[in-house]
C-alpha cells in the first residue's frame, strides 16, 4: 500500500514536472514535448542488454595474432 501511494504521488509530481518543462521547452532544440513518463522514476525503462558478438569478433579482439 505504501508503494502504491508513492507511485501515485510520483505520477502527480511527474505530470507537474512535464508541464513546467514543456512551458520552458525550446521547440527548435527539442521538437517533441516531454511526457510525464520522462520524469517518473517508477516508469523508467531498464537498460538495454549488452550486445552479443560473434565468435569471430571475439577472436579478433582477444586472440594474439602471429
Protein backbone atom coordinates (compact mmCIF):
# COMPACT_ATOMS: atom_id res chain seq x y z
CA UNK A 1 0.00 0.00 0.00
CA UNK A 2 2.88 2.34 0.73
CA UNK A 3 4.39 1.69 -2.69
CA UNK A 4 1.08 2.44 -4.39
CA UNK A 5 0.89 5.74 -2.54
CA UNK A 6 4.44 6.60 -3.63
CA UNK A 7 3.62 5.72 -7.23
CA UNK A 8 0.51 7.91 -7.14
CA UNK A 9 2.45 10.80 -5.65
CA UNK A 10 5.15 10.43 -8.29
CA UNK A 11 2.51 10.32 -11.04
CA UNK A 12 1.21 13.67 -9.84
CA UNK A 13 4.70 15.15 -9.48
CA UNK A 14 5.82 13.85 -12.87
CA UNK A 15 2.79 15.44 -14.52
CA UNK A 16 3.63 18.79 -12.97
CA UNK A 17 7.29 18.49 -13.93
CA UNK A 18 6.36 17.70 -17.56
CA UNK A 19 4.04 20.70 -17.62
CA UNK A 20 6.76 23.07 -16.38
CA UNK A 21 9.38 21.56 -18.70
CA UNK A 22 7.07 21.94 -21.71
CA UNK A 23 6.38 25.57 -20.80
CA UNK A 24 10.11 26.30 -20.89
CA UNK A 25 10.96 23.98 -23.81
CA UNK A 26 12.55 25.44 -26.94
CA UNK A 27 10.68 23.78 -29.84
CA UNK A 28 13.68 24.22 -32.15
CA UNK A 29 16.04 22.36 -29.81
CA UNK A 30 13.54 19.74 -28.66
CA UNK A 31 10.68 19.33 -31.13
CA UNK A 32 8.95 16.54 -29.19
CA UNK A 33 7.23 17.54 -25.95
CA UNK A 34 8.12 15.98 -22.61
CA UNK A 35 5.86 13.28 -21.21
CA UNK A 36 5.24 12.55 -17.53
CA UNK A 37 6.96 9.19 -18.04
CA UNK A 38 10.20 11.10 -18.71
CA UNK A 39 10.20 12.23 -15.06
CA UNK A 40 8.55 9.28 -13.30
CA UNK A 41 11.23 7.11 -11.60
CA UNK A 42 8.97 4.05 -11.36
CA UNK A 43 8.26 4.09 -15.11
CA UNK A 44 11.87 4.31 -16.32
CA UNK A 45 12.84 1.64 -18.82
CA UNK A 46 15.62 -0.76 -17.82
CA UNK A 47 18.97 -0.56 -19.54
CA UNK A 48 19.10 -2.47 -22.82
CA UNK A 49 21.00 -5.76 -22.63
CA UNK A 50 24.58 -5.88 -23.80
CA UNK A 51 25.06 -6.75 -27.43
CA UNK A 52 26.27 -10.22 -28.23
CA UNK A 53 29.27 -10.55 -30.50
CA UNK A 54 30.03 -13.47 -32.76
CA UNK A 55 32.98 -15.73 -32.01
CA UNK A 56 34.96 -14.30 -34.95
CA UNK A 57 34.83 -10.81 -33.48
CA UNK A 58 35.91 -12.12 -30.09
CA UNK A 59 38.82 -14.00 -31.68
CA UNK A 60 39.97 -10.83 -33.44
CA UNK A 61 39.91 -8.89 -30.19
CA UNK A 62 41.28 -11.38 -27.67
CA UNK A 63 43.45 -13.90 -29.52
CA UNK A 64 47.04 -12.94 -30.21
CA UNK A 65 47.93 -12.56 -33.83
CA UNK A 66 51.00 -14.41 -35.06
